[in-house]
């Protein structure tokens, strides 16, 4: 049984903590992609995620980098003005007040903090999530999806493929595919890409314990694309991972449609996470014409 740390004590996120953290996140019914146990677990080493509990609130700490530590917004019932101030004051005392901040806060918390004139609230566009209607991703109806349909039609003319639900039998092949992807992009020279590679391995290796859903595309019995996701809230699924063999560029459109059609057809919305400010990724996500962007905010004390 996981030990529940009490603020201001924190402990690193571990797989055994899921029984405590997951129900609290699920009860909050988050709209932002960061707030799943899977995200915290798979990225725990890269971001140094730790957690604690203060009264009815789950607190997630990250950092140790050049700009100090930061907290995600407190997860729990409203009102949250008091706990927000408590954790910002604690961050100020623990490090430099200049860097004491809450990141990836949602609109819900920003609304609760309205009128607090000594708090600075800023949008963080690079962290906005892209949210799509499931029917758009499956049917690709209309001229705006013409190029996507062309990619898929071309793929189906050239290849005979099969889609399968991801199982333990696929994990090794998925890891090999991800390793090839990483080699092509020289991940060892980029800390962020190495972090993504390590996070991907954690999610694939522990997908059953994390209760993730996944799918694979096979050509001639070989895994050529795979994806992993889960329910974010009662109306939205979130896709955490999507990788494909770069030699067949149409694979991304195919695995996206097949995963949505086979796994999430009864879910109204799909959250495909943020673009991190990367121009190519932003262009790709916008090309699917999101229903909306889920806004996120930075909150800190005015100096």
C-alpha atoms as a PDB file:
ATOM      1  CA  UNK A   1       0.000   0.000   0.000  1.00  0.00           C
ATOM      2  CA  UNK A   2       1.394   3.398  -1.010  1.00  0.00           C
ATOM      3  CA  UNK A   3       2.285   5.828   1.757  1.00  0.00           C
ATOM      4  CA  UNK A   4       0.398   9.133   1.497  1.00  0.00           C
ATOM      5  CA  UNK A   5       2.795  12.058   2.122  1.00  0.00           C
ATOM      6  CA  UNK A   6       1.403  15.164   3.815  1.00  0.00           C
ATOM      7  CA  UNK A   7       2.396  18.646   2.656  1.00  0.00           C
ATOM      8  CA  UNK A   8       5.058  20.003   2.855  1.00  0.00           C
ATOM      9  CA  UNK A   9       6.565  16.530   2.525  1.00  0.00           C
ATOM     10  CA  UNK A  10       6.658  15.136  -1.019  1.00  0.00           C
ATOM     11  CA  UNK A  11       7.569  11.738  -2.449  1.00  0.00           C
ATOM     12  CA  UNK A  12       8.577  10.726  -5.980  1.00  0.00           C
ATOM     13  CA  UNK A  13       5.813   9.303  -8.183  1.00  0.00           C
ATOM     14  CA  UNK A  14       5.940   5.500  -8.302  1.00  0.00           C
ATOM     15  CA  UNK A  15       3.723   2.911  -9.970  1.00  0.00           C
ATOM     16  CA  UNK A  16       2.341   1.822  -6.591  1.00  0.00           C
ATOM     17  CA  UNK A  17       0.979   5.342  -6.008  1.00  0.00           C
ATOM     18  CA  UNK A  18      -1.668   4.915  -8.707  1.00  0.00           C
ATOM     19  CA  UNK A  19      -4.275   3.634  -6.243  1.00  0.00           C
ATOM     20  CA  UNK A  20      -4.161   6.976  -4.413  1.00  0.00           C
ATOM     21  CA  UNK A  21      -3.486   9.464  -7.220  1.00  0.00           C
ATOM     22  CA  UNK A  22      -5.713   8.108 -10.003  1.00  0.00           C
ATOM     23  CA  UNK A  23      -9.034   8.301  -8.061  1.00  0.00           C
ATOM     24  CA  UNK A  24      -8.314  11.900  -7.055  1.00  0.00           C
ATOM     25  CA  UNK A  25      -7.594  12.907 -10.648  1.00  0.00           C
ATOM     26  CA  UNK A  26     -10.629  11.027 -11.936  1.00  0.00           C
ATOM     27  CA  UNK A  27     -12.868  12.731  -9.376  1.00  0.00           C
ATOM     28  CA  UNK A  28     -11.664  16.129 -10.600  1.00  0.00           C
ATOM     29  CA  UNK A  29     -12.645  15.239 -14.204  1.00  0.00           C
ATOM     30  CA  UNK A  30      -9.740  17.160 -15.740  1.00  0.00           C
ATOM     31  CA  UNK A  31      -9.786  18.794 -19.159  1.00  0.00           C
ATOM     32  CA  UNK A  32      -6.003  19.165 -19.478  1.00  0.00           C
ATOM     33  CA  UNK A  33      -3.838  16.277 -20.644  1.00  0.00           C
ATOM     34  CA  UNK A  34      -1.236  16.503 -17.857  1.00  0.00           C
ATOM     35  CA  UNK A  35      -3.690  15.382 -15.206  1.00  0.00           C
ATOM     36  CA  UNK A  36      -3.554  11.620 -15.585  1.00  0.00           C
ATOM     37  CA  UNK A  37      -1.512   9.244 -13.482  1.00  0.00           C
ATOM     38  CA  UNK A  38      -0.034   7.866 -16.707  1.00  0.00           C
ATOM     39  CA  UNK A  39       1.399  11.264 -17.616  1.00  0.00           C
ATOM     40  CA  UNK A  40       2.893  11.741 -14.151  1.00  0.00           C
ATOM     41  CA  UNK A  41       4.365   8.241 -14.101  1.00  0.00           C
ATOM     42  CA  UNK A  42       5.823   8.083 -17.601  1.00  0.00           C
ATOM     43  CA  UNK A  43       7.424  11.544 -17.334  1.00  0.00           C
ATOM     44  CA  UNK A  44       8.400  11.263 -13.656  1.00  0.00           C
ATOM     45  CA  UNK A  45      12.163  11.044 -14.217  1.00  0.00           C
ATOM     46  CA  UNK A  46      12.319  13.727 -16.903  1.00  0.00           C
ATOM     47  CA  UNK A  47      10.377  16.294 -14.877  1.00  0.00           C
ATOM     48  CA  UNK A  48      11.166  15.033 -11.390  1.00  0.00           C
ATOM     49  CA  UNK A  49       7.498  14.627 -10.473  1.00  0.00           C
ATOM     50  CA  UNK A  50       6.681  14.279  -6.779  1.00  0.00           C
ATOM     51  CA  UNK A  51       3.354  14.375  -4.980  1.00  0.00           C
ATOM     52  CA  UNK A  52       1.795  15.261  -1.662  1.00  0.00           C
ATOM     53  CA  UNK A  53      -1.618  15.812  -0.076  1.00  0.00           C
ATOM     54  CA  UNK A  54      -2.803  18.937   1.733  1.00  0.00           C
ATOM     55  CA  UNK A  55      -6.222  18.478   3.347  1.00  0.00           C
ATOM     56  CA  UNK A  56      -8.515  17.536   0.416  1.00  0.00           C
ATOM     57  CA  UNK A  57      -6.015  18.572  -2.278  1.00  0.00           C
ATOM     58  CA  UNK A  58      -3.548  16.588  -4.350  1.00  0.00           C
ATOM     59  CA  UNK A  59      -0.335  18.540  -5.022  1.00  0.00           C
ATOM     60  CA  UNK A  60       2.076  17.746  -7.850  1.00  0.00           C
ATOM     61  CA  UNK A  61       5.609  19.149  -7.655  1.00  0.00           C
ATOM     62  CA  UNK A  62       8.063  19.280 -10.555  1.00  0.00           C
ATOM     63  CA  UNK A  63      11.407  20.861 -11.153  1.00  0.00           C
ATOM     64  CA  UNK A  64      14.898  21.183  -9.907  1.00  0.00           C
ATOM     65  CA  UNK A  65      15.914  22.942 -13.139  1.00  0.00           C
ATOM     66  CA  UNK A  66      17.564  26.368 -13.544  1.00  0.00           C
ATOM     67  CA  UNK A  67      14.326  28.239 -12.827  1.00  0.00           C
ATOM     68  CA  UNK A  68      13.565  26.252  -9.699  1.00  0.00           C
ATOM     69  CA  UNK A  69      10.675  24.058  -8.731  1.00  0.00           C
ATOM     70  CA  UNK A  70       7.057  24.558  -9.711  1.00  0.00           C
ATOM     71  CA  UNK A  71       3.695  23.102  -8.812  1.00  0.00           C
ATOM     72  CA  UNK A  72       0.728  22.052 -10.862  1.00  0.00           C
ATOM     73  CA  UNK A  73      -2.531  23.538  -9.652  1.00  0.00           C
ATOM     74  CA  UNK A  74      -4.038  21.949  -6.514  1.00  0.00           C
ATOM     75  CA  UNK A  75      -6.427  19.151  -7.487  1.00  0.00           C
ATOM     76  CA  UNK A  76      -9.554  19.062  -5.387  1.00  0.00           C
ATOM     77  CA  UNK A  77     -12.821  20.825  -4.577  1.00  0.00           C
ATOM     78  CA  UNK A  78     -13.428  24.534  -4.959  1.00  0.00           C
ATOM     79  CA  UNK A  79     -12.810  27.067  -3.577  1.00  0.00           C
ATOM     80  CA  UNK A  80      -9.032  26.871  -4.044  1.00  0.00           C
ATOM     81  CA  UNK A  81      -7.928  30.460  -3.362  1.00  0.00           C
ATOM     82  CA  UNK A  82      -6.531  29.631   0.067  1.00  0.00           C
ATOM     83  CA  UNK A  83      -4.582  26.526  -0.956  1.00  0.00           C
ATOM     84  CA  UNK A  84      -3.257  28.298  -4.074  1.00  0.00           C
ATOM     85  CA  UNK A  85      -1.787  31.052  -1.904  1.00  0.00           C
ATOM     86  CA  UNK A  86      -0.382  28.559   0.578  1.00  0.00           C
ATOM     87  CA  UNK A  87       1.557  26.654  -2.081  1.00  0.00           C
ATOM     88  CA  UNK A  88       2.781  29.816  -3.836  1.00  0.00           C
ATOM     89  CA  UNK A  89       4.028  31.193  -0.502  1.00  0.00           C
ATOM     90  CA  UNK A  90       5.732  27.874   0.209  1.00  0.00           C
ATOM     91  CA  UNK A  91       7.474  27.927  -3.172  1.00  0.00           C
ATOM     92  CA  UNK A  92       8.619  31.501  -2.490  1.00  0.00           C
ATOM     93  CA  UNK A  93      10.113  30.463   0.835  1.00  0.00           C
ATOM     94  CA  UNK A  94      11.723  27.321  -0.563  1.00  0.00           C
ATOM     95  CA  UNK A  95      13.464  29.096  -3.453  1.00  0.00           C
ATOM     96  CA  UNK A  96      13.500  32.355  -5.343  1.00  0.00           C
ATOM     97  CA  UNK A  97      10.186  34.271  -5.143  1.00  0.00           C
ATOM     98  CA  UNK A  98      10.826  35.303  -8.754  1.00  0.00           C
ATOM     99  CA  UNK A  99      10.287  31.725  -9.921  1.00  0.00           C
ATOM    100  CA  UNK A 100       7.519  30.642  -7.540  1.00  0.00           C
ATOM    101  CA  UNK A 101       4.739  29.606  -9.885  1.00  0.00           C
ATOM    102  CA  UNK A 102       1.934  27.244 -10.753  1.00  0.00           C
ATOM    103  CA  UNK A 103       1.998  25.950 -14.320  1.00  0.00           C
ATOM    104  CA  UNK A 104      -0.531  24.140 -16.536  1.00  0.00           C
ATOM    105  CA  UNK A 105      -3.443  25.564 -14.546  1.00  0.00           C
ATOM    106  CA  UNK A 106      -6.842  25.220 -16.184  1.00  0.00           C
ATOM    107  CA  UNK A 107      -9.596  27.765 -16.803  1.00  0.00           C
ATOM    108  CA  UNK A 108     -11.520  26.362 -13.839  1.00  0.00           C
ATOM    109  CA  UNK A 109      -8.864  27.516 -11.367  1.00  0.00           C
ATOM    110  CA  UNK A 110      -8.386  30.848 -13.150  1.00  0.00           C
ATOM    111  CA  UNK A 111     -12.115  31.524 -12.768  1.00  0.00           C
ATOM    112  CA  UNK A 112     -11.929  30.688  -9.058  1.00  0.00           C
ATOM    113  CA  UNK A 113      -9.070  33.172  -8.629  1.00  0.00           C
ATOM    114  CA  UNK A 114     -10.847  36.057 -10.391  1.00  0.00           C
ATOM    115  CA  UNK A 115     -10.415  39.333  -8.544  1.00  0.00           C
ATOM    116  CA  UNK A 116      -7.157  38.367  -6.801  1.00  0.00           C
ATOM    117  CA  UNK A 117      -5.215  41.446  -7.870  1.00  0.00           C
ATOM    118  CA  UNK A 118      -1.844  40.368  -6.463  1.00  0.00           C
ATOM    119  CA  UNK A 119      -1.777  37.254  -8.654  1.00  0.00           C
ATOM    120  CA  UNK A 120      -0.428  37.336 -12.198  1.00  0.00           C
ATOM    121  CA  UNK A 121      -2.181  34.983 -14.635  1.00  0.00           C
ATOM    122  CA  UNK A 122      -0.712  34.385 -18.099  1.00  0.00           C
ATOM    123  CA  UNK A 123      -1.794  32.120 -20.948  1.00  0.00           C
ATOM    124  CA  UNK A 124       0.804  29.562 -22.058  1.00  0.00           C
ATOM    125  CA  UNK A 125      -0.094  28.968 -25.712  1.00  0.00           C
ATOM    126  CA  UNK A 126       2.601  26.350 -26.333  1.00  0.00           C
ATOM    127  CA  UNK A 127       0.917  24.144 -23.712  1.00  0.00           C
ATOM    128  CA  UNK A 128      -2.657  24.406 -25.057  1.00  0.00           C
ATOM    129  CA  UNK A 129      -4.193  20.988 -25.784  1.00  0.00           C
ATOM    130  CA  UNK A 130      -5.778  20.229 -29.151  1.00  0.00           C
ATOM    131  CA  UNK A 131      -9.263  18.744 -28.719  1.00  0.00           C
ATOM    132  CA  UNK A 132     -11.178  17.194 -31.623  1.00  0.00           C
ATOM    133  CA  UNK A 133     -14.658  15.840 -32.216  1.00  0.00           C
ATOM    134  CA  UNK A 134     -14.502  12.070 -32.664  1.00  0.00           C
ATOM    135  CA  UNK A 135     -16.706  12.126 -35.771  1.00  0.00           C
ATOM    136  CA  UNK A 136     -14.282  14.444 -37.541  1.00  0.00           C
ATOM    137  CA  UNK A 137     -11.313  12.159 -36.853  1.00  0.00           C
ATOM    138  CA  UNK A 138     -13.144   9.028 -38.007  1.00  0.00           C
ATOM    139  CA  UNK A 139     -15.172  10.279 -40.979  1.00  0.00           C
ATOM    140  CA  UNK A 140     -12.861  13.060 -42.226  1.00  0.00           C
ATOM    141  CA  UNK A 141     -15.853  14.669 -43.899  1.00  0.00           C
ATOM    142  CA  UNK A 142     -15.594  17.798 -46.047  1.00  0.00           C
ATOM    143  CA  UNK A 143     -13.019  19.598 -48.140  1.00  0.00           C
ATOM    144  CA  UNK A 144     -10.948  20.569 -45.119  1.00  0.00           C
ATOM    145  CA  UNK A 145      -9.980  16.912 -44.686  1.00  0.00           C
ATOM    146  CA  UNK A 146      -9.365  16.296 -48.396  1.00  0.00           C
ATOM    147  CA  UNK A 147      -5.607  15.810 -48.024  1.00  0.00           C
ATOM    148  CA  UNK A 148      -6.065  13.443 -45.052  1.00  0.00           C
ATOM    149  CA  UNK A 149      -8.464  11.273 -47.034  1.00  0.00           C
ATOM    150  CA  UNK A 150      -6.023  11.261 -49.963  1.00  0.00           C
ATOM    151  CA  UNK A 151      -3.233  10.023 -47.687  1.00  0.00           C
ATOM    152  CA  UNK A 152      -5.374   7.217 -46.340  1.00  0.00           C
ATOM    153  CA  UNK A 153      -6.691   6.243 -49.782  1.00  0.00           C
ATOM    154  CA  UNK A 154      -3.156   6.149 -51.163  1.00  0.00           C
ATOM    155  CA  UNK A 155      -2.065   3.948 -48.272  1.00  0.00           C
ATOM    156  CA  UNK A 156      -4.941   1.534 -48.829  1.00  0.00           C
ATOM    157  CA  UNK A 157      -4.130   1.280 -52.551  1.00  0.00           C
ATOM    158  CA  UNK A 158      -0.485   0.465 -51.882  1.00  0.00           C
ATOM    159  CA  UNK A 159      -0.678  -1.737 -48.804  1.00  0.00           C
ATOM    160  CA  UNK A 160      -2.631  -4.571 -47.285  1.00  0.00           C
ATOM    161  CA  UNK A 161      -2.698  -3.873 -43.566  1.00  0.00           C
ATOM    162  CA  UNK A 162      -4.381  -4.975 -40.385  1.00  0.00           C
ATOM    163  CA  UNK A 163      -5.272  -3.123 -37.199  1.00  0.00           C
ATOM    164  CA  UNK A 164      -5.012  -4.934 -33.860  1.00  0.00           C
ATOM    165  CA  UNK A 165      -5.643  -3.985 -30.259  1.00  0.00           C
ATOM    166  CA  UNK A 166      -2.269  -3.566 -28.578  1.00  0.00           C
ATOM    167  CA  UNK A 167      -1.347  -6.537 -26.397  1.00  0.00           C
ATOM    168  CA  UNK A 168       1.716  -7.723 -24.518  1.00  0.00           C
ATOM    169  CA  UNK A 169       2.720  -9.622 -27.655  1.00  0.00           C
ATOM    170  CA  UNK A 170       3.232  -6.316 -29.473  1.00  0.00           C
ATOM    171  CA  UNK A 171       5.307  -4.506 -26.848  1.00  0.00           C
ATOM    172  CA  UNK A 172       8.728  -5.693 -28.000  1.00  0.00           C
ATOM    173  CA  UNK A 173       8.035  -4.753 -31.627  1.00  0.00           C
ATOM    174  CA  UNK A 174       6.683  -1.351 -30.559  1.00  0.00           C
ATOM    175  CA  UNK A 175       9.835  -0.694 -28.548  1.00  0.00           C
ATOM    176  CA  UNK A 176      11.954  -1.646 -31.569  1.00  0.00           C
ATOM    177  CA  UNK A 177       9.986   0.746 -33.762  1.00  0.00           C
ATOM    178  CA  UNK A 178      10.363   3.535 -31.209  1.00  0.00           C
ATOM    179  CA  UNK A 179      14.095   2.826 -30.985  1.00  0.00           C
ATOM    180  CA  UNK A 180      14.392   3.199 -34.773  1.00  0.00           C
ATOM    181  CA  UNK A 181      12.436   6.464 -34.579  1.00  0.00           C
ATOM    182  CA  UNK A 182      14.785   7.718 -31.888  1.00  0.00           C
ATOM    183  CA  UNK A 183      17.904   6.701 -33.807  1.00  0.00           C
ATOM    184  CA  UNK A 184      16.769   8.583 -36.915  1.00  0.00           C
ATOM    185  CA  UNK A 185      16.218  11.731 -34.855  1.00  0.00           C
ATOM    186  CA  UNK A 186      19.467  11.323 -32.898  1.00  0.00           C
ATOM    187  CA  UNK A 187      17.672  11.401 -29.565  1.00  0.00           C
ATOM    188  CA  UNK A 188      20.900  11.049 -27.627  1.00  0.00           C
ATOM    189  CA  UNK A 189      21.775  14.612 -28.660  1.00  0.00           C
ATOM    190  CA  UNK A 190      18.496  16.124 -27.427  1.00  0.00           C
ATOM    191  CA  UNK A 191      17.463  15.947 -23.763  1.00  0.00           C
ATOM    192  CA  UNK A 192      13.770  16.428 -24.602  1.00  0.00           C
ATOM    193  CA  UNK A 193      13.773  13.629 -27.181  1.00  0.00           C
ATOM    194  CA  UNK A 194      15.586  11.351 -24.745  1.00  0.00           C
ATOM    195  CA  UNK A 195      12.949  12.208 -22.161  1.00  0.00           C
ATOM    196  CA  UNK A 196      10.217  11.313 -24.631  1.00  0.00           C
ATOM    197  CA  UNK A 197      11.957   7.998 -25.422  1.00  0.00           C
ATOM    198  CA  UNK A 198      12.197   7.096 -21.737  1.00  0.00           C
ATOM    199  CA  UNK A 199       8.570   8.114 -21.123  1.00  0.00           C
ATOM    200  CA  UNK A 200       7.409   6.030 -24.078  1.00  0.00           C
ATOM    201  CA  UNK A 201       9.230   2.967 -22.748  1.00  0.00           C
ATOM    202  CA  UNK A 202       7.597   3.358 -19.343  1.00  0.00           C
ATOM    203  CA  UNK A 203       4.110   3.637 -20.843  1.00  0.00           C
ATOM    204  CA  UNK A 204       4.562   0.646 -23.152  1.00  0.00           C
ATOM    205  CA  UNK A 205       6.189  -1.572 -20.531  1.00  0.00           C
ATOM    206  CA  UNK A 206       3.486  -0.852 -17.947  1.00  0.00           C
ATOM    207  CA  UNK A 207       0.458  -0.309 -20.183  1.00  0.00           C
ATOM    208  CA  UNK A 208      -1.580  -3.017 -18.445  1.00  0.00           C
ATOM    209  CA  UNK A 209      -0.930  -1.693 -14.931  1.00  0.00           C
ATOM    210  CA  UNK A 210      -1.710   1.818 -16.166  1.00  0.00           C
ATOM    211  CA  UNK A 211      -4.935   0.516 -17.762  1.00  0.00           C
ATOM    212  CA  UNK A 212      -4.087   2.084 -21.115  1.00  0.00           C
ATOM    213  CA  UNK A 213      -5.783   1.244 -24.393  1.00  0.00           C
ATOM    214  CA  UNK A 214      -3.688   0.889 -27.514  1.00  0.00           C
ATOM    215  CA  UNK A 215      -3.630  -0.142 -31.135  1.00  0.00           C
ATOM    216  CA  UNK A 216      -1.107  -1.223 -33.758  1.00  0.00           C
ATOM    217  CA  UNK A 217      -0.954  -1.218 -37.560  1.00  0.00           C
ATOM    218  CA  UNK A 218       0.703  -4.272 -39.099  1.00  0.00           C
ATOM    219  CA  UNK A 219       2.090  -4.656 -42.618  1.00  0.00           C
ATOM    220  CA  UNK A 220       3.022  -8.224 -43.525  1.00  0.00           C
ATOM    221  CA  UNK A 221       2.802  -9.123 -39.853  1.00  0.00           C
ATOM    222  CA  UNK A 222       5.220  -6.387 -38.781  1.00  0.00           C
ATOM    223  CA  UNK A 223       4.279  -3.562 -36.405  1.00  0.00           C
ATOM    224  CA  UNK A 224       4.603  -0.315 -38.360  1.00  0.00           C
ATOM    225  CA  UNK A 225       2.666   2.071 -36.099  1.00  0.00           C
ATOM    226  CA  UNK A 226       1.290   2.090 -32.568  1.00  0.00           C
ATOM    227  CA  UNK A 227      -0.617   4.359 -30.222  1.00  0.00           C
ATOM    228  CA  UNK A 228      -1.686   4.517 -26.563  1.00  0.00           C
ATOM    229  CA  UNK A 229      -4.416   6.467 -24.771  1.00  0.00           C
ATOM    230  CA  UNK A 230      -6.982   6.466 -22.001  1.00  0.00           C
ATOM    231  CA  UNK A 231     -10.063   8.283 -20.747  1.00  0.00           C
ATOM    232  CA  UNK A 232      -9.283  11.775 -19.461  1.00  0.00           C
ATOM    233  CA  UNK A 233     -12.819  12.546 -18.280  1.00  0.00           C
ATOM    234  CA  UNK A 234     -16.304  11.194 -18.960  1.00  0.00           C
ATOM    235  CA  UNK A 235     -16.501  12.957 -22.343  1.00  0.00           C
ATOM    236  CA  UNK A 236     -12.879  12.928 -23.514  1.00  0.00           C
ATOM    237  CA  UNK A 237     -10.147  10.424 -24.294  1.00  0.00           C
ATOM    238  CA  UNK A 238      -6.500  11.513 -24.389  1.00  0.00           C
ATOM    239  CA  UNK A 239      -3.895  10.110 -26.782  1.00  0.00           C
ATOM    240  CA  UNK A 240      -0.526   9.986 -25.038  1.00  0.00           C
ATOM    241  CA  UNK A 241       1.623   8.300 -27.686  1.00  0.00           C
ATOM    242  CA  UNK A 242       1.546   7.857 -31.448  1.00  0.00           C
ATOM    243  CA  UNK A 243       4.534   6.582 -33.399  1.00  0.00           C
ATOM    244  CA  UNK A 244       4.914   5.234 -36.944  1.00  0.00           C
ATOM    245  CA  UNK A 245       7.603   4.096 -39.362  1.00  0.00           C
ATOM    246  CA  UNK A 246       8.792   7.282 -41.083  1.00  0.00           C
ATOM    247  CA  UNK A 247       9.288   5.409 -44.374  1.00  0.00           C
ATOM    248  CA  UNK A 248       5.483   5.316 -44.757  1.00  0.00           C
ATOM    249  CA  UNK A 249       4.255   8.854 -43.936  1.00  0.00           C
ATOM    250  CA  UNK A 250       0.578   7.959 -44.429  1.00  0.00           C
ATOM    251  CA  UNK A 251       0.750   5.699 -41.374  1.00  0.00           C
ATOM    252  CA  UNK A 252       0.082   8.553 -38.959  1.00  0.00           C
ATOM    253  CA  UNK A 253      -3.250   9.366 -40.587  1.00  0.00           C
ATOM    254  CA  UNK A 254      -4.171   5.677 -40.654  1.00  0.00           C
ATOM    255  CA  UNK A 255      -3.317   4.852 -37.034  1.00  0.00           C
ATOM    256  CA  UNK A 256      -5.115   7.994 -35.871  1.00  0.00           C
ATOM    257  CA  UNK A 257      -8.336   7.082 -37.684  1.00  0.00           C
ATOM    258  CA  UNK A 258      -8.201   3.381 -36.822  1.00  0.00           C
ATOM    259  CA  UNK A 259      -7.577   4.008 -33.115  1.00  0.00           C
ATOM    260  CA  UNK A 260     -10.462   6.458 -32.926  1.00  0.00           C
ATOM    261  CA  UNK A 261     -12.821   4.175 -34.853  1.00  0.00           C
ATOM    262  CA  UNK A 262     -11.940   0.983 -32.984  1.00  0.00           C
ATOM    263  CA  UNK A 263     -11.422   2.267 -29.455  1.00  0.00           C
ATOM    264  CA  UNK A 264     -13.096   5.644 -28.950  1.00  0.00           C
ATOM    265  CA  UNK A 265     -16.112   5.701 -31.280  1.00  0.00           C
ATOM    266  CA  UNK A 266     -18.496   6.256 -28.342  1.00  0.00           C
ATOM    267  CA  UNK A 267     -16.433   9.103 -26.838  1.00  0.00           C
ATOM    268  CA  UNK A 268     -17.409  12.616 -28.009  1.00  0.00           C
ATOM    269  CA  UNK A 269     -13.972  14.255 -27.832  1.00  0.00           C
ATOM    270  CA  UNK A 270     -10.295  13.347 -28.299  1.00  0.00           C
ATOM    271  CA  UNK A 271      -7.505  15.323 -26.623  1.00  0.00           C
ATOM    272  CA  UNK A 272      -4.262  14.993 -28.609  1.00  0.00           C
ATOM    273  CA  UNK A 273      -2.150  17.021 -26.171  1.00  0.00           C
ATOM    274  CA  UNK A 274      -0.018  20.090 -26.888  1.00  0.00           C
ATOM    275  CA  UNK A 275       2.476  21.103 -29.575  1.00  0.00           C
ATOM    276  CA  UNK A 276       5.184  22.419 -27.179  1.00  0.00           C
ATOM    277  CA  UNK A 277       5.729  25.349 -29.535  1.00  0.00           C
ATOM    278  CA  UNK A 278       7.201  23.176 -32.300  1.00  0.00           C
ATOM    279  CA  UNK A 279       6.140  24.685 -35.674  1.00  0.00           C
ATOM    280  CA  UNK A 280       5.897  21.345 -37.493  1.00  0.00           C
ATOM    281  CA  UNK A 281       3.854  19.737 -34.755  1.00  0.00           C
ATOM    282  CA  UNK A 282       1.597  22.779 -34.498  1.00  0.00           C
ATOM    283  CA  UNK A 283       0.940  22.659 -38.249  1.00  0.00           C
ATOM    284  CA  UNK A 284       0.137  18.931 -38.075  1.00  0.00           C
ATOM    285  CA  UNK A 285      -2.282  19.336 -35.158  1.00  0.00           C
ATOM    286  CA  UNK A 286      -4.022  22.317 -36.730  1.00  0.00           C
ATOM    287  CA  UNK A 287      -4.415  20.385 -39.989  1.00  0.00           C
ATOM    288  CA  UNK A 288      -6.978  18.159 -38.223  1.00  0.00           C
ATOM    289  CA  UNK A 289      -9.083  21.263 -37.418  1.00  0.00           C
ATOM    290  CA  UNK A 290      -9.579  21.001 -33.648  1.00  0.00           C
ATOM    291  CA  UNK A 291     -12.978  21.596 -32.100  1.00  0.00           C
ATOM    292  CA  UNK A 292     -11.218  23.821 -29.564  1.00  0.00           C
ATOM    293  CA  UNK A 293      -7.925  24.437 -27.826  1.00  0.00           C
ATOM    294  CA  UNK A 294      -7.891  23.674 -24.118  1.00  0.00           C
ATOM    295  CA  UNK A 295      -6.239  26.697 -22.540  1.00  0.00           C
ATOM    296  CA  UNK A 296      -3.606  26.507 -19.814  1.00  0.00           C
ATOM    297  CA  UNK A 297      -2.157  29.209 -17.606  1.00  0.00           C
ATOM    298  CA  UNK A 298       0.814  30.197 -15.496  1.00  0.00           C
ATOM    299  CA  UNK A 299      -0.026  31.714 -12.094  1.00  0.00           C
ATOM    300  CA  UNK A 300       2.431  33.551  -9.865  1.00  0.00           C
ATOM    301  CA  UNK A 301       2.591  36.300  -7.262  1.00  0.00           C
ATOM    302  CA  UNK A 302       3.107  39.783  -8.643  1.00  0.00           C
ATOM    303  CA  UNK A 303       6.508  41.139  -7.672  1.00  0.00           C
END
